[in-house]
Amino acid sequence: MANKIGICGHCYVGKTTVGKELSQRLGYDFISIGDHCRENGIFERITDDWELNDYVQGFVTGLLQNPRDLIIDGRTICQGEISPKSRGE
């Protein structure tokens, strides 16, 4: 399986920045960035657009320090920081 990652969310939250960084650090062959990624099951555990938007922002600001923590077998996993507000807390 080729190393691929999908990043989806609203405009201007840093999807391209994250994609470029992961491509450089992890040697990904293909970066898919757009809302269609969720439909393909990449962000299965995040279903609400607000949570998705917050996740991408948190990913950009907090998790690029160790992007390997987000990758298991070539798939993105959702263990990133999501703000309490987006979880309804």
N, C-alpha and C. Protein backbone atom coordinates (compact mmCIF):
# COMPACT_ATOMS: atom_id res chain seq x y z
N MET A 1 0.85 -1.18 0.00
CA MET A 1 0.00 0.00 0.00
C MET A 1 0.89 1.24 0.00
N ALA A 2 0.56 2.18 -0.84
CA ALA A 2 1.32 3.43 -0.89
C ALA A 2 1.03 4.25 0.35
N ASN A 3 2.00 5.01 0.75
CA ASN A 3 1.80 5.91 1.89
C ASN A 3 1.00 7.11 1.43
N LYS A 4 -0.20 7.25 1.97
CA LYS A 4 -1.08 8.35 1.60
C LYS A 4 -1.70 8.92 2.87
N ILE A 5 -2.03 10.18 2.80
CA ILE A 5 -2.73 10.80 3.91
C ILE A 5 -3.78 11.74 3.35
N GLY A 6 -4.93 11.79 4.00
CA GLY A 6 -5.97 12.74 3.63
C GLY A 6 -6.22 13.69 4.77
N ILE A 7 -6.35 14.96 4.45
CA ILE A 7 -6.61 15.99 5.46
C ILE A 7 -7.81 16.78 4.96
N CYS A 8 -8.86 16.84 5.76
CA CYS A 8 -10.03 17.59 5.32
C CYS A 8 -10.47 18.56 6.39
N GLY A 9 -11.17 19.58 5.96
CA GLY A 9 -11.65 20.61 6.88
C GLY A 9 -12.02 21.86 6.12
N HIS A 10 -12.38 22.88 6.85
CA HIS A 10 -12.82 24.13 6.24
C HIS A 10 -11.63 24.90 5.66
N CYS A 11 -11.94 25.98 4.95
CA CYS A 11 -10.89 26.79 4.33
C CYS A 11 -10.02 27.48 5.37
N TYR A 12 -8.76 27.63 5.03
CA TYR A 12 -7.80 28.44 5.80
C TYR A 12 -7.56 27.93 7.22
N VAL A 13 -7.54 26.60 7.42
CA VAL A 13 -7.19 26.05 8.73
C VAL A 13 -5.81 25.42 8.73
N GLY A 14 -5.15 25.37 7.57
CA GLY A 14 -3.79 24.86 7.52
C GLY A 14 -3.63 23.49 6.90
N LYS A 15 -4.61 23.03 6.13
CA LYS A 15 -4.52 21.70 5.52
C LYS A 15 -3.29 21.56 4.62
N THR A 16 -3.04 22.56 3.80
CA THR A 16 -1.90 22.49 2.89
C THR A 16 -0.58 22.51 3.64
N THR A 17 -0.51 23.31 4.68
CA THR A 17 0.71 23.36 5.51
C THR A 17 1.01 21.99 6.10
N VAL A 18 -0.02 21.36 6.65
CA VAL A 18 0.16 20.04 7.25
C VAL A 18 0.56 19.02 6.18
N GLY A 19 -0.12 19.06 5.05
CA GLY A 19 0.18 18.11 3.99
C GLY A 19 1.61 18.21 3.50
N LYS A 20 2.08 19.42 3.30
CA LYS A 20 3.46 19.62 2.85
C LYS A 20 4.46 19.13 3.90
N GLU A 21 4.18 19.42 5.15
CA GLU A 21 5.09 19.01 6.22
C GLU A 21 5.17 17.49 6.32
N LEU A 22 4.02 16.83 6.28
CA LEU A 22 4.02 15.37 6.36
C LEU A 22 4.69 14.76 5.14
N SER A 23 4.48 15.35 3.99
CA SER A 23 5.12 14.85 2.78
C SER A 23 6.63 14.90 2.91
N GLN A 24 7.14 16.00 3.43
CA GLN A 24 8.59 16.16 3.59
C GLN A 24 9.14 15.25 4.67
N ARG A 25 8.45 15.16 5.80
CA ARG A 25 8.99 14.39 6.94
C ARG A 25 8.85 12.89 6.76
N LEU A 26 7.76 12.45 6.14
CA LEU A 26 7.48 11.03 6.08
C LEU A 26 7.63 10.43 4.69
N GLY A 27 7.91 11.24 3.69
CA GLY A 27 8.10 10.73 2.35
C GLY A 27 6.84 10.19 1.70
N TYR A 28 5.72 10.83 1.95
CA TYR A 28 4.47 10.36 1.36
C TYR A 28 4.46 10.58 -0.15
N ASP A 29 3.91 9.60 -0.87
CA ASP A 29 3.84 9.67 -2.32
C ASP A 29 2.72 10.58 -2.80
N PHE A 30 1.66 10.71 -2.02
CA PHE A 30 0.47 11.41 -2.48
C PHE A 30 -0.20 12.07 -1.29
N ILE A 31 -0.58 13.30 -1.46
CA ILE A 31 -1.29 14.01 -0.40
C ILE A 31 -2.65 14.41 -0.94
N SER A 32 -3.70 13.97 -0.28
CA SER A 32 -5.06 14.32 -0.67
C SER A 32 -5.61 15.29 0.35
N ILE A 33 -5.98 16.47 -0.10
CA ILE A 33 -6.47 17.48 0.82
C ILE A 33 -7.81 17.98 0.32
N GLY A 34 -8.86 17.77 1.11
CA GLY A 34 -10.18 18.25 0.71
C GLY A 34 -11.26 17.56 1.50
N ASP A 35 -12.46 18.12 1.45
CA ASP A 35 -13.56 17.58 2.23
C ASP A 35 -13.97 16.17 1.79
N HIS A 36 -13.63 15.76 0.57
CA HIS A 36 -13.99 14.43 0.10
C HIS A 36 -13.28 13.33 0.89
N CYS A 37 -12.21 13.67 1.58
CA CYS A 37 -11.44 12.66 2.32
C CYS A 37 -12.30 11.97 3.36
N ARG A 38 -13.16 12.73 4.03
CA ARG A 38 -13.99 12.14 5.07
C ARG A 38 -14.94 11.10 4.47
N GLU A 39 -15.46 11.38 3.27
CA GLU A 39 -16.35 10.44 2.61
C GLU A 39 -15.64 9.13 2.29
N ASN A 40 -14.34 9.18 2.13
CA ASN A 40 -13.56 7.99 1.83
C ASN A 40 -13.11 7.25 3.09
N GLY A 41 -13.58 7.68 4.25
CA GLY A 41 -13.32 6.97 5.49
C GLY A 41 -12.03 7.32 6.18
N ILE A 42 -11.34 8.35 5.72
CA ILE A 42 -10.05 8.68 6.33
C ILE A 42 -10.24 9.24 7.73
N PHE A 43 -11.31 10.03 7.92
CA PHE A 43 -11.58 10.58 9.24
C PHE A 43 -12.86 9.97 9.80
N GLU A 44 -12.91 8.65 9.86
CA GLU A 44 -14.12 7.95 10.28
C GLU A 44 -14.57 8.35 11.68
N ARG A 45 -13.64 8.65 12.54
CA ARG A 45 -14.00 8.90 13.93
C ARG A 45 -14.39 10.34 14.21
N ILE A 46 -14.31 11.19 13.21
CA ILE A 46 -14.75 12.57 13.38
C ILE A 46 -15.88 12.81 12.39
N THR A 47 -17.07 13.05 12.87
CA THR A 47 -18.23 13.13 11.98
C THR A 47 -18.78 14.54 11.86
N ASP A 48 -18.49 15.40 12.78
CA ASP A 48 -19.05 16.74 12.77
C ASP A 48 -18.07 17.71 12.15
N ASP A 49 -18.54 18.58 11.26
CA ASP A 49 -17.64 19.52 10.59
C ASP A 49 -16.91 20.43 11.57
N TRP A 50 -17.58 20.83 12.65
CA TRP A 50 -16.94 21.70 13.64
C TRP A 50 -15.77 20.97 14.30
N GLU A 51 -15.98 19.72 14.66
CA GLU A 51 -14.90 18.93 15.24
C GLU A 51 -13.76 18.76 14.25
N LEU A 52 -14.13 18.52 13.00
CA LEU A 52 -13.11 18.33 11.97
C LEU A 52 -12.29 19.60 11.79
N ASN A 53 -12.95 20.73 11.78
CA ASN A 53 -12.27 22.01 11.66
C ASN A 53 -11.32 22.21 12.83
N ASP A 54 -11.77 21.96 14.04
CA ASP A 54 -10.93 22.11 15.22
C ASP A 54 -9.78 21.11 15.19
N TYR A 55 -10.05 19.90 14.74
CA TYR A 55 -9.00 18.89 14.69
C TYR A 55 -7.87 19.34 13.78
N VAL A 56 -8.22 19.85 12.60
CA VAL A 56 -7.18 20.28 11.67
C VAL A 56 -6.38 21.42 12.27
N GLN A 57 -7.04 22.35 12.93
CA GLN A 57 -6.32 23.46 13.56
C GLN A 57 -5.40 22.94 14.65
N GLY A 58 -5.90 22.04 15.51
CA GLY A 58 -5.07 21.49 16.56
C GLY A 58 -3.91 20.69 16.00
N PHE A 59 -4.16 19.99 14.92
CA PHE A 59 -3.14 19.20 14.24
C PHE A 59 -2.03 20.12 13.76
N VAL A 60 -2.41 21.24 13.15
CA VAL A 60 -1.42 22.18 12.64
C VAL A 60 -0.59 22.76 13.77
N THR A 61 -1.25 23.19 14.85
CA THR A 61 -0.54 23.92 15.89
C THR A 61 0.16 23.02 16.89
N GLY A 62 -0.36 21.81 17.11
CA GLY A 62 0.16 21.01 18.20
C GLY A 62 0.81 19.70 17.86
N LEU A 63 0.48 19.11 16.71
CA LEU A 63 0.89 17.74 16.49
C LEU A 63 1.95 17.55 15.42
N LEU A 64 2.32 18.61 14.73
CA LEU A 64 3.38 18.47 13.74
C LEU A 64 4.73 18.19 14.38
N GLN A 65 4.83 18.40 15.69
CA GLN A 65 6.08 18.12 16.38
C GLN A 65 6.45 16.64 16.25
N ASN A 66 5.46 15.78 16.20
CA ASN A 66 5.72 14.35 16.04
C ASN A 66 4.64 13.74 15.15
N PRO A 67 4.67 14.00 13.84
CA PRO A 67 3.59 13.54 12.97
C PRO A 67 3.49 12.02 12.87
N ARG A 68 4.53 11.29 13.21
CA ARG A 68 4.44 9.84 13.13
C ARG A 68 3.39 9.28 14.10
N ASP A 69 3.08 10.01 15.14
CA ASP A 69 2.06 9.56 16.07
C ASP A 69 0.69 9.47 15.41
N LEU A 70 0.51 10.15 14.28
CA LEU A 70 -0.79 10.19 13.62
C LEU A 70 -0.96 9.11 12.56
N ILE A 71 0.07 8.33 12.30
CA ILE A 71 0.04 7.41 11.17
C ILE A 71 0.15 5.97 11.66
N ILE A 72 -0.79 5.14 11.24
CA ILE A 72 -0.70 3.70 11.49
C ILE A 72 -0.99 3.00 10.18
N ASP A 73 -0.05 2.22 9.68
CA ASP A 73 -0.21 1.47 8.44
C ASP A 73 -0.69 2.33 7.29
N GLY A 74 -0.13 3.51 7.17
CA GLY A 74 -0.46 4.36 6.05
C GLY A 74 -1.78 5.09 6.15
N ARG A 75 -2.47 4.98 7.29
CA ARG A 75 -3.76 5.63 7.44
C ARG A 75 -3.69 6.67 8.54
N THR A 76 -4.46 7.72 8.36
CA THR A 76 -4.53 8.74 9.39
C THR A 76 -5.42 8.24 10.52
N ILE A 77 -4.96 8.44 11.74
CA ILE A 77 -5.81 8.11 12.88
C ILE A 77 -6.11 9.40 13.64
N CYS A 78 -7.20 9.40 14.34
CA CYS A 78 -7.69 10.62 14.97
C CYS A 78 -7.38 10.63 16.46
N GLN A 79 -6.12 10.69 16.81
CA GLN A 79 -5.78 10.78 18.22
C GLN A 79 -5.29 12.18 18.55
N GLY A 80 -5.55 13.11 17.67
CA GLY A 80 -5.12 14.48 17.89
C GLY A 80 -5.96 15.20 18.93
N GLU A 81 -5.48 16.35 19.32
CA GLU A 81 -6.19 17.17 20.27
C GLU A 81 -7.40 17.80 19.60
N ILE A 82 -8.57 17.62 20.20
CA ILE A 82 -9.77 18.31 19.76
C ILE A 82 -10.22 19.17 20.93
N SER A 83 -10.53 20.41 20.67
CA SER A 83 -10.84 21.32 21.77
C SER A 83 -12.10 20.87 22.50
N PRO A 84 -12.18 21.11 23.82
CA PRO A 84 -13.38 20.73 24.58
C PRO A 84 -14.65 21.33 23.99
N LYS A 85 -14.56 22.55 23.47
CA LYS A 85 -15.75 23.19 22.90
C LYS A 85 -16.31 22.36 21.75
N SER A 86 -15.45 21.81 20.92
CA SER A 86 -15.93 21.06 19.76
C SER A 86 -16.54 19.72 20.16
N ARG A 87 -16.17 19.20 21.32
CA ARG A 87 -16.75 17.94 21.80
C ARG A 87 -18.02 18.18 22.59
N GLY A 88 -18.41 19.43 22.77
CA GLY A 88 -19.63 19.74 23.48
C GLY A 88 -19.46 19.75 24.98
N GLU A 89 -18.24 19.81 25.47
CA GLU A 89 -18.00 19.82 26.91
C GLU A 89 -18.06 21.22 27.47
